[in-house]
ModelCIF file with pLDDT and N, C-alpha, C, O atoms, coordinates in Angstrom:
data_MODEL
#
_entry.id   MODEL 
#
_entity.id                         1 
_entity.type                       polymer 
_entity.pdbx_number_of_molecules   1 
#
_entity_poly.entity_id                      1 
_entity_poly.type                           'polypeptide(L)' 
_entity_poly.nstd_linkage                   no 
_entity_poly.nstd_monomer                   no 
_entity_poly.pdbx_seq_one_letter_code       PDDVRSFLLDRLDDTLVDGGVDRGSIDDRTDLLEDGLLDSMGIVQL 
_entity_poly.pdbx_seq_one_letter_code_can   PDDVRSFLLDRLDDTLVDGGVDRGSIDDRTDLLEDGLLDSMGIVQL 
_entity_poly.pdbx_strand_id                 A 
#
loop_
_entity_poly_seq.entity_id 
_entity_poly_seq.num 
_entity_poly_seq.mon_id 
_entity_poly_seq.hetero 
1 1  PRO n 
1 2  ASP n 
1 3  ASP n 
1 4  VAL n 
1 5  ARG n 
1 6  SER n 
1 7  PHE n 
1 8  LEU n 
1 9  LEU n 
1 10 ASP n 
1 11 ARG n 
1 12 LEU n 
1 13 ASP n 
1 14 ASP n 
1 15 THR n 
1 16 LEU n 
1 17 VAL n 
1 18 ASP n 
1 19 GLY n 
1 20 GLY n 
1 21 VAL n 
1 22 ASP n 
1 23 ARG n 
1 24 GLY n 
1 25 SER n 
1 26 ILE n 
1 27 ASP n 
1 28 ASP n 
1 29 ARG n 
1 30 THR n 
1 31 ASP n 
1 32 LEU n 
1 33 LEU n 
1 34 GLU n 
1 35 ASP n 
1 36 GLY n 
1 37 LEU n 
1 38 LEU n 
1 39 ASP n 
1 40 SER n 
1 41 MET n 
1 42 GLY n 
1 43 ILE n 
1 44 VAL n 
1 45 GLN n 
1 46 LEU n 
#
_struct_asym.id          A 
_struct_asym.entity_id   1 
#
loop_
_ma_qa_metric.id 
_ma_qa_metric.mode 
_ma_qa_metric.name 
_ma_qa_metric.software_group_id 
_ma_qa_metric.type 
1 global pLDDT . pLDDT 
2 local  pLDDT . pLDDT 
#
_ma_qa_metric_global.metric_id      1 
_ma_qa_metric_global.metric_value   90.98 
_ma_qa_metric_global.model_id       1 
_ma_qa_metric_global.ordinal_id     1 
#
loop_
_ma_qa_metric_local.label_asym_id 
_ma_qa_metric_local.label_comp_id 
_ma_qa_metric_local.label_seq_id 
_ma_qa_metric_local.metric_id 
_ma_qa_metric_local.metric_value 
_ma_qa_metric_local.model_id 
_ma_qa_metric_local.ordinal_id 
A PRO 1  2 95.00 1 1  
A ASP 2  2 96.00 1 2  
A ASP 3  2 96.00 1 3  
A VAL 4  2 95.00 1 4  
A ARG 5  2 95.00 1 5  
A SER 6  2 95.00 1 6  
A PHE 7  2 96.00 1 7  
A LEU 8  2 93.00 1 8  
A LEU 9  2 94.00 1 9  
A ASP 10 2 94.00 1 10 
A ARG 11 2 92.00 1 11 
A LEU 12 2 91.00 1 12 
A ASP 13 2 91.00 1 13 
A ASP 14 2 90.00 1 14 
A THR 15 2 87.00 1 15 
A LEU 16 2 89.00 1 16 
A VAL 17 2 90.00 1 17 
A ASP 18 2 88.00 1 18 
A GLY 19 2 85.00 1 19 
A GLY 20 2 89.00 1 20 
A VAL 21 2 89.00 1 21 
A ASP 22 2 91.00 1 22 
A ARG 23 2 89.00 1 23 
A GLY 24 2 90.00 1 24 
A SER 25 2 92.00 1 25 
A ILE 26 2 92.00 1 26 
A ASP 27 2 94.00 1 27 
A ASP 28 2 95.00 1 28 
A ARG 29 2 95.00 1 29 
A THR 30 2 94.00 1 30 
A ASP 31 2 93.00 1 31 
A LEU 32 2 89.00 1 32 
A LEU 33 2 88.00 1 33 
A GLU 34 2 89.00 1 34 
A ASP 35 2 88.00 1 35 
A GLY 36 2 88.00 1 36 
A LEU 37 2 88.00 1 37 
A LEU 38 2 89.00 1 38 
A ASP 39 2 89.00 1 39 
A SER 40 2 86.00 1 40 
A MET 41 2 92.00 1 41 
A GLY 42 2 90.00 1 42 
A ILE 43 2 87.00 1 43 
A VAL 44 2 87.00 1 44 
A GLN 45 2 91.00 1 45 
A LEU 46 2 89.00 1 46 
#
loop_
_atom_site.group_PDB 
_atom_site.id 
_atom_site.type_symbol 
_atom_site.label_atom_id 
_atom_site.label_alt_id 
_atom_site.label_comp_id 
_atom_site.label_asym_id 
_atom_site.label_entity_id 
_atom_site.label_seq_id 
_atom_site.pdbx_PDB_ins_code 
_atom_site.Cartn_x 
_atom_site.Cartn_y 
_atom_site.Cartn_z 
_atom_site.occupancy 
_atom_site.B_iso_or_equiv 
_atom_site.pdbx_formal_charge 
_atom_site.auth_seq_id 
_atom_site.auth_comp_id 
_atom_site.auth_asym_id 
_atom_site.auth_atom_id 
_atom_site.pdbx_PDB_model_num 
ATOM 1   N N  . PRO A 1 1  ? 93.269 63.839 -113.792 1.00 95.00 ? 1  PRO A N  1 
ATOM 2   C CA . PRO A 1 1  ? 92.373 64.977 -113.989 1.00 95.00 ? 1  PRO A CA 1 
ATOM 3   C C  . PRO A 1 1  ? 91.882 65.551 -112.658 1.00 95.00 ? 1  PRO A C  1 
ATOM 4   O O  . PRO A 1 1  ? 91.680 66.760 -112.543 1.00 95.00 ? 1  PRO A O  1 
ATOM 5   N N  . ASP A 1 2  ? 91.690 64.696 -111.659 1.00 96.00 ? 2  ASP A N  1 
ATOM 6   C CA . ASP A 1 2  ? 91.262 65.194 -110.341 1.00 96.00 ? 2  ASP A CA 1 
ATOM 7   C C  . ASP A 1 2  ? 92.332 66.065 -109.692 1.00 96.00 ? 2  ASP A C  1 
ATOM 8   O O  . ASP A 1 2  ? 92.007 67.035 -109.007 1.00 96.00 ? 2  ASP A O  1 
ATOM 9   N N  . ASP A 1 3  ? 93.617 65.726 -109.902 1.00 96.00 ? 3  ASP A N  1 
ATOM 10  C CA . ASP A 1 3  ? 94.708 66.560 -109.389 1.00 96.00 ? 3  ASP A CA 1 
ATOM 11  C C  . ASP A 1 3  ? 94.652 67.944 -110.015 1.00 96.00 ? 3  ASP A C  1 
ATOM 12  O O  . ASP A 1 3  ? 94.803 68.957 -109.333 1.00 96.00 ? 3  ASP A O  1 
ATOM 13  N N  . VAL A 1 4  ? 94.434 67.970 -111.314 1.00 95.00 ? 4  VAL A N  1 
ATOM 14  C CA . VAL A 1 4  ? 94.370 69.247 -112.040 1.00 95.00 ? 4  VAL A CA 1 
ATOM 15  C C  . VAL A 1 4  ? 93.154 70.034 -111.574 1.00 95.00 ? 4  VAL A C  1 
ATOM 16  O O  . VAL A 1 4  ? 93.246 71.236 -111.325 1.00 95.00 ? 4  VAL A O  1 
ATOM 17  N N  . ARG A 1 5  ? 92.029 69.365 -111.459 1.00 95.00 ? 5  ARG A N  1 
ATOM 18  C CA . ARG A 1 5  ? 90.791 70.018 -111.011 1.00 95.00 ? 5  ARG A CA 1 
ATOM 19  C C  . ARG A 1 5  ? 90.966 70.645 -109.630 1.00 95.00 ? 5  ARG A C  1 
ATOM 20  O O  . ARG A 1 5  ? 90.550 71.782 -109.402 1.00 95.00 ? 5  ARG A O  1 
ATOM 21  N N  . SER A 1 6  ? 91.573 69.911 -108.725 1.00 95.00 ? 6  SER A N  1 
ATOM 22  C CA . SER A 1 6  ? 91.794 70.416 -107.374 1.00 95.00 ? 6  SER A CA 1 
ATOM 23  C C  . SER A 1 6  ? 92.696 71.653 -107.397 1.00 95.00 ? 6  SER A C  1 
ATOM 24  O O  . SER A 1 6  ? 92.403 72.653 -106.742 1.00 95.00 ? 6  SER A O  1 
ATOM 25  N N  . PHE A 1 7  ? 93.786 71.578 -108.150 1.00 96.00 ? 7  PHE A N  1 
ATOM 26  C CA . PHE A 1 7  ? 94.693 72.724 -108.274 1.00 96.00 ? 7  PHE A CA 1 
ATOM 27  C C  . PHE A 1 7  ? 93.950 73.926 -108.865 1.00 96.00 ? 7  PHE A C  1 
ATOM 28  O O  . PHE A 1 7  ? 94.058 75.046 -108.367 1.00 96.00 ? 7  PHE A O  1 
ATOM 29  N N  . LEU A 1 8  ? 93.206 73.672 -109.921 1.00 93.00 ? 8  LEU A N  1 
ATOM 30  C CA . LEU A 1 8  ? 92.463 74.733 -110.605 1.00 93.00 ? 8  LEU A CA 1 
ATOM 31  C C  . LEU A 1 8  ? 91.469 75.402 -109.665 1.00 93.00 ? 8  LEU A C  1 
ATOM 32  O O  . LEU A 1 8  ? 91.421 76.629 -109.575 1.00 93.00 ? 8  LEU A O  1 
ATOM 33  N N  . LEU A 1 9  ? 90.681 74.601 -108.972 1.00 94.00 ? 9  LEU A N  1 
ATOM 34  C CA . LEU A 1 9  ? 89.670 75.175 -108.079 1.00 94.00 ? 9  LEU A CA 1 
ATOM 35  C C  . LEU A 1 9  ? 90.296 75.861 -106.875 1.00 94.00 ? 9  LEU A C  1 
ATOM 36  O O  . LEU A 1 9  ? 89.747 76.843 -106.375 1.00 94.00 ? 9  LEU A O  1 
ATOM 37  N N  . ASP A 1 10 ? 91.434 75.366 -106.399 1.00 94.00 ? 10 ASP A N  1 
ATOM 38  C CA . ASP A 1 10 ? 92.148 76.062 -105.322 1.00 94.00 ? 10 ASP A CA 1 
ATOM 39  C C  . ASP A 1 10 ? 92.567 77.453 -105.778 1.00 94.00 ? 10 ASP A C  1 
ATOM 40  O O  . ASP A 1 10 ? 92.460 78.413 -105.015 1.00 94.00 ? 10 ASP A O  1 
ATOM 41  N N  . ARG A 1 11 ? 93.042 77.569 -107.012 1.00 92.00 ? 11 ARG A N  1 
ATOM 42  C CA . ARG A 1 11 ? 93.474 78.860 -107.544 1.00 92.00 ? 11 ARG A CA 1 
ATOM 43  C C  . ARG A 1 11 ? 92.294 79.800 -107.751 1.00 92.00 ? 11 ARG A C  1 
ATOM 44  O O  . ARG A 1 11 ? 92.444 81.020 -107.685 1.00 92.00 ? 11 ARG A O  1 
ATOM 45  N N  . LEU A 1 12 ? 91.141 79.236 -107.997 1.00 91.00 ? 12 LEU A N  1 
ATOM 46  C CA . LEU A 1 12 ? 89.941 80.038 -108.274 1.00 91.00 ? 12 LEU A CA 1 
ATOM 47  C C  . LEU A 1 12 ? 89.065 80.254 -107.049 1.00 91.00 ? 12 LEU A C  1 
ATOM 48  O O  . LEU A 1 12 ? 87.987 80.838 -107.159 1.00 91.00 ? 12 LEU A O  1 
ATOM 49  N N  . ASP A 1 13 ? 89.501 79.802 -105.905 1.00 91.00 ? 13 ASP A N  1 
ATOM 50  C CA . ASP A 1 13 ? 88.670 79.845 -104.704 1.00 91.00 ? 13 ASP A CA 1 
ATOM 51  C C  . ASP A 1 13 ? 88.135 81.248 -104.412 1.00 91.00 ? 13 ASP A C  1 
ATOM 52  O O  . ASP A 1 13 ? 86.939 81.402 -104.164 1.00 91.00 ? 13 ASP A O  1 
ATOM 53  N N  . ASP A 1 14 ? 88.977 82.255 -104.436 1.00 90.00 ? 14 ASP A N  1 
ATOM 54  C CA . ASP A 1 14 ? 88.520 83.626 -104.160 1.00 90.00 ? 14 ASP A CA 1 
ATOM 55  C C  . ASP A 1 14 ? 87.503 84.091 -105.198 1.00 90.00 ? 14 ASP A C  1 
ATOM 56  O O  . ASP A 1 14 ? 86.510 84.738 -104.864 1.00 90.00 ? 14 ASP A O  1 
ATOM 57  N N  . THR A 1 15 ? 87.763 83.754 -106.460 1.00 87.00 ? 15 THR A N  1 
ATOM 58  C CA . THR A 1 15 ? 86.840 84.134 -107.534 1.00 87.00 ? 15 THR A CA 1 
ATOM 59  C C  . THR A 1 15 ? 85.483 83.483 -107.328 1.00 87.00 ? 15 THR A C  1 
ATOM 60  O O  . THR A 1 15 ? 84.444 84.118 -107.512 1.00 87.00 ? 15 THR A O  1 
ATOM 61  N N  . LEU A 1 16 ? 85.499 82.206 -106.944 1.00 89.00 ? 16 LEU A N  1 
ATOM 62  C CA . LEU A 1 16 ? 84.247 81.497 -106.709 1.00 89.00 ? 16 LEU A CA 1 
ATOM 63  C C  . LEU A 1 16 ? 83.490 82.114 -105.542 1.00 89.00 ? 16 LEU A C  1 
ATOM 64  O O  . LEU A 1 16 ? 82.283 82.339 -105.629 1.00 89.00 ? 16 LEU A O  1 
ATOM 65  N N  . VAL A 1 17 ? 84.196 82.387 -104.455 1.00 90.00 ? 17 VAL A N  1 
ATOM 66  C CA . VAL A 1 17 ? 83.563 82.988 -103.279 1.00 90.00 ? 17 VAL A CA 1 
ATOM 67  C C  . VAL A 1 17 ? 83.000 84.361 -103.640 1.00 90.00 ? 17 VAL A C  1 
ATOM 68  O O  . VAL A 1 17 ? 81.855 84.668 -103.311 1.00 90.00 ? 17 VAL A O  1 
ATOM 69  N N  . ASP A 1 18 ? 83.803 85.188 -104.317 1.00 88.00 ? 18 ASP A N  1 
ATOM 70  C CA . ASP A 1 18 ? 83.350 86.532 -104.709 1.00 88.00 ? 18 ASP A CA 1 
ATOM 71  C C  . ASP A 1 18 ? 82.119 86.475 -105.614 1.00 88.00 ? 18 ASP A C  1 
ATOM 72  O O  . ASP A 1 18 ? 81.257 87.351 -105.555 1.00 88.00 ? 18 ASP A O  1 
ATOM 73  N N  . GLY A 1 19 ? 82.043 85.439 -106.450 1.00 85.00 ? 19 GLY A N  1 
ATOM 74  C CA . GLY A 1 19 ? 80.913 85.300 -107.362 1.00 85.00 ? 19 GLY A CA 1 
ATOM 75  C C  . GLY A 1 19 ? 79.730 84.564 -106.758 1.00 85.00 ? 19 GLY A C  1 
ATOM 76  O O  . GLY A 1 19 ? 78.710 84.364 -107.417 1.00 85.00 ? 19 GLY A O  1 
ATOM 77  N N  . GLY A 1 20 ? 79.871 84.160 -105.493 1.00 89.00 ? 20 GLY A N  1 
ATOM 78  C CA . GLY A 1 20 ? 78.797 83.446 -104.834 1.00 89.00 ? 20 GLY A CA 1 
ATOM 79  C C  . GLY A 1 20 ? 78.571 82.045 -105.392 1.00 89.00 ? 20 GLY A C  1 
ATOM 80  O O  . GLY A 1 20 ? 77.465 81.507 -105.342 1.00 89.00 ? 20 GLY A O  1 
ATOM 81  N N  . VAL A 1 21 ? 79.655 81.464 -105.930 1.00 89.00 ? 21 VAL A N  1 
ATOM 82  C CA . VAL A 1 21 ? 79.564 80.142 -106.540 1.00 89.00 ? 21 VAL A CA 1 
ATOM 83  C C  . VAL A 1 21 ? 80.099 79.108 -105.567 1.00 89.00 ? 21 VAL A C  1 
ATOM 84  O O  . VAL A 1 21 ? 81.220 79.228 -105.072 1.00 89.00 ? 21 VAL A O  1 
ATOM 85  N N  . ASP A 1 22 ? 79.294 78.094 -105.298 1.00 91.00 ? 22 ASP A N  1 
ATOM 86  C CA . ASP A 1 22 ? 79.722 76.996 -104.437 1.00 91.00 ? 22 ASP A CA 1 
ATOM 87  C C  . ASP A 1 22 ? 80.654 76.082 -105.226 1.00 91.00 ? 22 ASP A C  1 
ATOM 88  O O  . ASP A 1 22 ? 80.328 75.657 -106.334 1.00 91.00 ? 22 ASP A O  1 
ATOM 89  N N  . ARG A 1 23 ? 81.792 75.789 -104.658 1.00 89.00 ? 23 ARG A N  1 
ATOM 90  C CA . ARG A 1 23 ? 82.784 74.937 -105.317 1.00 89.00 ? 23 ARG A CA 1 
ATOM 91  C C  . ARG A 1 23 ? 82.179 73.597 -105.737 1.00 89.00 ? 23 ARG A C  1 
ATOM 92  O O  . ARG A 1 23 ? 82.545 73.044 -106.774 1.00 89.00 ? 23 ARG A O  1 
ATOM 93  N N  . GLY A 1 24 ? 81.268 73.086 -104.941 1.00 90.00 ? 24 GLY A N  1 
ATOM 94  C CA . GLY A 1 24 ? 80.624 71.822 -105.253 1.00 90.00 ? 24 GLY A CA 1 
ATOM 95  C C  . GLY A 1 24 ? 79.728 71.872 -106.477 1.00 90.00 ? 24 GLY A C  1 
ATOM 96  O O  . GLY A 1 24 ? 79.377 70.831 -107.031 1.00 90.00 ? 24 GLY A O  1 
ATOM 97  N N  . SER A 1 25 ? 79.359 73.062 -106.901 1.00 92.00 ? 25 SER A N  1 
ATOM 98  C CA . SER A 1 25 ? 78.493 73.184 -108.078 1.00 92.00 ? 25 SER A CA 1 
ATOM 99  C C  . SER A 1 25 ? 79.286 73.166 -109.382 1.00 92.00 ? 25 SER A C  1 
ATOM 100 O O  . SER A 1 25 ? 78.696 73.115 -110.462 1.00 92.00 ? 25 SER A O  1 
ATOM 101 N N  . ILE A 1 26 ? 80.599 73.207 -109.295 1.00 92.00 ? 26 ILE A N  1 
ATOM 102 C CA . ILE A 1 26 ? 81.450 73.170 -110.485 1.00 92.00 ? 26 ILE A CA 1 
ATOM 103 C C  . ILE A 1 26 ? 81.553 71.711 -110.934 1.00 92.00 ? 26 ILE A C  1 
ATOM 104 O O  . ILE A 1 26 ? 82.070 70.865 -110.205 1.00 92.00 ? 26 ILE A O  1 
ATOM 105 N N  . ASP A 1 27 ? 81.055 71.426 -112.141 1.00 94.00 ? 27 ASP A N  1 
ATOM 106 C CA . ASP A 1 27 ? 81.149 70.062 -112.653 1.00 94.00 ? 27 ASP A CA 1 
ATOM 107 C C  . ASP A 1 27 ? 81.965 70.042 -113.944 1.00 94.00 ? 27 ASP A C  1 
ATOM 108 O O  . ASP A 1 27 ? 82.498 71.071 -114.358 1.00 94.00 ? 27 ASP A O  1 
ATOM 109 N N  . ASP A 1 28 ? 82.062 68.884 -114.573 1.00 95.00 ? 28 ASP A N  1 
ATOM 110 C CA . ASP A 1 28 ? 82.893 68.732 -115.764 1.00 95.00 ? 28 ASP A CA 1 
ATOM 111 C C  . ASP A 1 28 ? 82.415 69.546 -116.949 1.00 95.00 ? 28 ASP A C  1 
ATOM 112 O O  . ASP A 1 28 ? 83.179 69.761 -117.890 1.00 95.00 ? 28 ASP A O  1 
ATOM 113 N N  . ARG A 1 29 ? 81.172 70.005 -116.931 1.00 95.00 ? 29 ARG A N  1 
ATOM 114 C CA . ARG A 1 29 ? 80.642 70.819 -118.033 1.00 95.00 ? 29 ARG A CA 1 
ATOM 115 C C  . ARG A 1 29 ? 80.770 72.310 -117.781 1.00 95.00 ? 29 ARG A C  1 
ATOM 116 O O  . ARG A 1 29 ? 80.466 73.112 -118.664 1.00 95.00 ? 29 ARG A O  1 
ATOM 117 N N  . THR A 1 30 ? 81.210 72.693 -116.598 1.00 94.00 ? 30 THR A N  1 
ATOM 118 C CA . THR A 1 30 ? 81.339 74.119 -116.283 1.00 94.00 ? 30 THR A CA 1 
ATOM 119 C C  . THR A 1 30 ? 82.394 74.753 -117.182 1.00 94.00 ? 30 THR A C  1 
ATOM 120 O O  . THR A 1 30 ? 83.517 74.259 -117.288 1.00 94.00 ? 30 THR A O  1 
ATOM 121 N N  . ASP A 1 31 ? 82.022 75.833 -117.814 1.00 93.00 ? 31 ASP A N  1 
ATOM 122 C CA . ASP A 1 31 ? 82.930 76.594 -118.669 1.00 93.00 ? 31 ASP A CA 1 
ATOM 123 C C  . ASP A 1 31 ? 83.264 77.890 -117.931 1.00 93.00 ? 31 ASP A C  1 
ATOM 124 O O  . ASP A 1 31 ? 82.416 78.770 -117.785 1.00 93.00 ? 31 ASP A O  1 
ATOM 125 N N  . LEU A 1 32 ? 84.490 77.993 -117.476 1.00 89.00 ? 32 LEU A N  1 
ATOM 126 C CA . LEU A 1 32 ? 84.879 79.131 -116.640 1.00 89.00 ? 32 LEU A CA 1 
ATOM 127 C C  . LEU A 1 32 ? 84.784 80.463 -117.377 1.00 89.00 ? 32 LEU A C  1 
ATOM 128 O O  . LEU A 1 32 ? 84.554 81.499 -116.752 1.00 89.00 ? 32 LEU A O  1 
ATOM 129 N N  . LEU A 1 33 ? 84.956 80.450 -118.680 1.00 88.00 ? 33 LEU A N  1 
ATOM 130 C CA . LEU A 1 33 ? 84.832 81.676 -119.464 1.00 88.00 ? 33 LEU A CA 1 
ATOM 131 C C  . LEU A 1 33 ? 83.354 81.998 -119.709 1.00 88.00 ? 33 LEU A C  1 
ATOM 132 O O  . LEU A 1 33 ? 82.896 83.099 -119.406 1.00 88.00 ? 33 LEU A O  1 
ATOM 133 N N  . GLU A 1 34 ? 82.627 81.046 -120.251 1.00 89.00 ? 34 GLU A N  1 
ATOM 134 C CA . GLU A 1 34 ? 81.204 81.268 -120.569 1.00 89.00 ? 34 GLU A CA 1 
ATOM 135 C C  . GLU A 1 34 ? 80.375 81.559 -119.333 1.00 89.00 ? 34 GLU A C  1 
ATOM 136 O O  . GLU A 1 34 ? 79.429 82.345 -119.392 1.00 89.00 ? 34 GLU A O  1 
ATOM 137 N N  . ASP A 1 35 ? 80.717 80.936 -118.214 1.00 88.00 ? 35 ASP A N  1 
ATOM 138 C CA . ASP A 1 35 ? 79.957 81.141 -116.983 1.00 88.00 ? 35 ASP A CA 1 
ATOM 139 C C  . ASP A 1 35 ? 80.402 82.398 -116.229 1.00 88.00 ? 35 ASP A C  1 
ATOM 140 O O  . ASP A 1 35 ? 79.921 82.673 -115.129 1.00 88.00 ? 35 ASP A O  1 
ATOM 141 N N  . GLY A 1 36 ? 81.320 83.153 -116.827 1.00 88.00 ? 36 GLY A N  1 
ATOM 142 C CA . GLY A 1 36 ? 81.721 84.437 -116.269 1.00 88.00 ? 36 GLY A CA 1 
ATOM 143 C C  . GLY A 1 36 ? 82.644 84.368 -115.062 1.00 88.00 ? 36 GLY A C  1 
ATOM 144 O O  . GLY A 1 36 ? 82.778 85.349 -114.331 1.00 88.00 ? 36 GLY A O  1 
ATOM 145 N N  . LEU A 1 37 ? 83.280 83.225 -114.843 1.00 88.00 ? 37 LEU A N  1 
ATOM 146 C CA . LEU A 1 37 ? 84.187 83.102 -113.700 1.00 88.00 ? 37 LEU A CA 1 
ATOM 147 C C  . LEU A 1 37 ? 85.585 83.600 -114.023 1.00 88.00 ? 37 LEU A C  1 
ATOM 148 O O  . LEU A 1 37 ? 86.340 83.957 -113.118 1.00 88.00 ? 37 LEU A O  1 
ATOM 149 N N  . LEU A 1 38 ? 85.938 83.627 -115.297 1.00 89.00 ? 38 LEU A N  1 
ATOM 150 C CA . LEU A 1 38 ? 87.222 84.169 -115.738 1.00 89.00 ? 38 LEU A CA 1 
ATOM 151 C C  . LEU A 1 38 ? 87.011 85.030 -116.975 1.00 89.00 ? 38 LEU A C  1 
ATOM 152 O O  . LEU A 1 38 ? 86.124 84.770 -117.788 1.00 89.00 ? 38 LEU A O  1 
ATOM 153 N N  . ASP A 1 39 ? 87.840 86.057 -117.102 1.00 89.00 ? 39 ASP A N  1 
ATOM 154 C CA . ASP A 1 39 ? 87.861 86.833 -118.336 1.00 89.00 ? 39 ASP A CA 1 
ATOM 155 C C  . ASP A 1 39 ? 89.097 86.403 -119.127 1.00 89.00 ? 39 ASP A C  1 
ATOM 156 O O  . ASP A 1 39 ? 89.820 85.501 -118.705 1.00 89.00 ? 39 ASP A O  1 
ATOM 157 N N  . SER A 1 40 ? 89.339 87.036 -120.258 1.00 86.00 ? 40 SER A N  1 
ATOM 158 C CA . SER A 1 40 ? 90.453 86.607 -121.108 1.00 86.00 ? 40 SER A CA 1 
ATOM 159 C C  . SER A 1 40 ? 91.801 86.736 -120.400 1.00 86.00 ? 40 SER A C  1 
ATOM 160 O O  . SER A 1 40 ? 92.668 85.880 -120.576 1.00 86.00 ? 40 SER A O  1 
ATOM 161 N N  . MET A 1 41 ? 91.992 87.780 -119.611 1.00 92.00 ? 41 MET A N  1 
ATOM 162 C CA . MET A 1 41 ? 93.255 87.925 -118.874 1.00 92.00 ? 41 MET A CA 1 
ATOM 163 C C  . MET A 1 41 ? 93.367 86.847 -117.805 1.00 92.00 ? 41 MET A C  1 
ATOM 164 O O  . MET A 1 41 ? 94.453 86.318 -117.568 1.00 92.00 ? 41 MET A O  1 
ATOM 165 N N  . GLY A 1 42 ? 92.270 86.525 -117.171 1.00 90.00 ? 42 GLY A N  1 
ATOM 166 C CA . GLY A 1 42 ? 92.274 85.462 -116.173 1.00 90.00 ? 42 GLY A CA 1 
ATOM 167 C C  . GLY A 1 42 ? 92.641 84.120 -116.779 1.00 90.00 ? 42 GLY A C  1 
ATOM 168 O O  . GLY A 1 42 ? 93.314 83.311 -116.141 1.00 90.00 ? 42 GLY A O  1 
ATOM 169 N N  . ILE A 1 43 ? 92.200 83.878 -118.009 1.00 87.00 ? 43 ILE A N  1 
ATOM 170 C CA . ILE A 1 43 ? 92.552 82.635 -118.700 1.00 87.00 ? 43 ILE A CA 1 
ATOM 171 C C  . ILE A 1 43 ? 94.059 82.570 -118.924 1.00 87.00 ? 43 ILE A C  1 
ATOM 172 O O  . ILE A 1 43 ? 94.689 81.549 -118.648 1.00 87.00 ? 43 ILE A O  1 
ATOM 173 N N  . VAL A 1 44 ? 94.628 83.649 -119.421 1.00 87.00 ? 44 VAL A N  1 
ATOM 174 C CA . VAL A 1 44 ? 96.070 83.688 -119.678 1.00 87.00 ? 44 VAL A CA 1 
ATOM 175 C C  . VAL A 1 44 ? 96.842 83.427 -118.386 1.00 87.00 ? 44 VAL A C  1 
ATOM 176 O O  . VAL A 1 44 ? 97.790 82.642 -118.370 1.00 87.00 ? 44 VAL A O  1 
ATOM 177 N N  . GLN A 1 45 ? 96.436 84.081 -117.318 1.00 91.00 ? 45 GLN A N  1 
ATOM 178 C CA . GLN A 1 45 ? 97.115 83.887 -116.035 1.00 91.00 ? 45 GLN A CA 1 
ATOM 179 C C  . GLN A 1 45 ? 96.966 82.455 -115.530 1.00 91.00 ? 45 GLN A C  1 
ATOM 180 O O  . GLN A 1 45 ? 97.919 81.869 -115.018 1.00 91.00 ? 45 GLN A O  1 
ATOM 181 N N  . LEU A 1 46 ? 95.779 81.903 -115.674 1.00 89.00 ? 46 LEU A N  1 
ATOM 182 C CA . LEU A 1 46 ? 95.541 80.541 -115.208 1.00 89.00 ? 46 LEU A CA 1 
ATOM 183 C C  . LEU A 1 46 ? 96.344 79.531 -116.028 1.00 89.00 ? 46 LEU A C  1 
ATOM 184 O O  . LEU A 1 46 ? 96.266 78.329 -115.775 1.00 89.00 ? 46 LEU A O  1 
#
């Protein structure tokens, strides 16, 4: 799961930076859709 998490957060790095979100604040309960980090098209692409 850590491998997947690292890959996922690497892909989202620009989105996190643009949203002012610190990568360290992303925990196992973070919902990328509900927290507004991805939209439906972003989910499909991811």
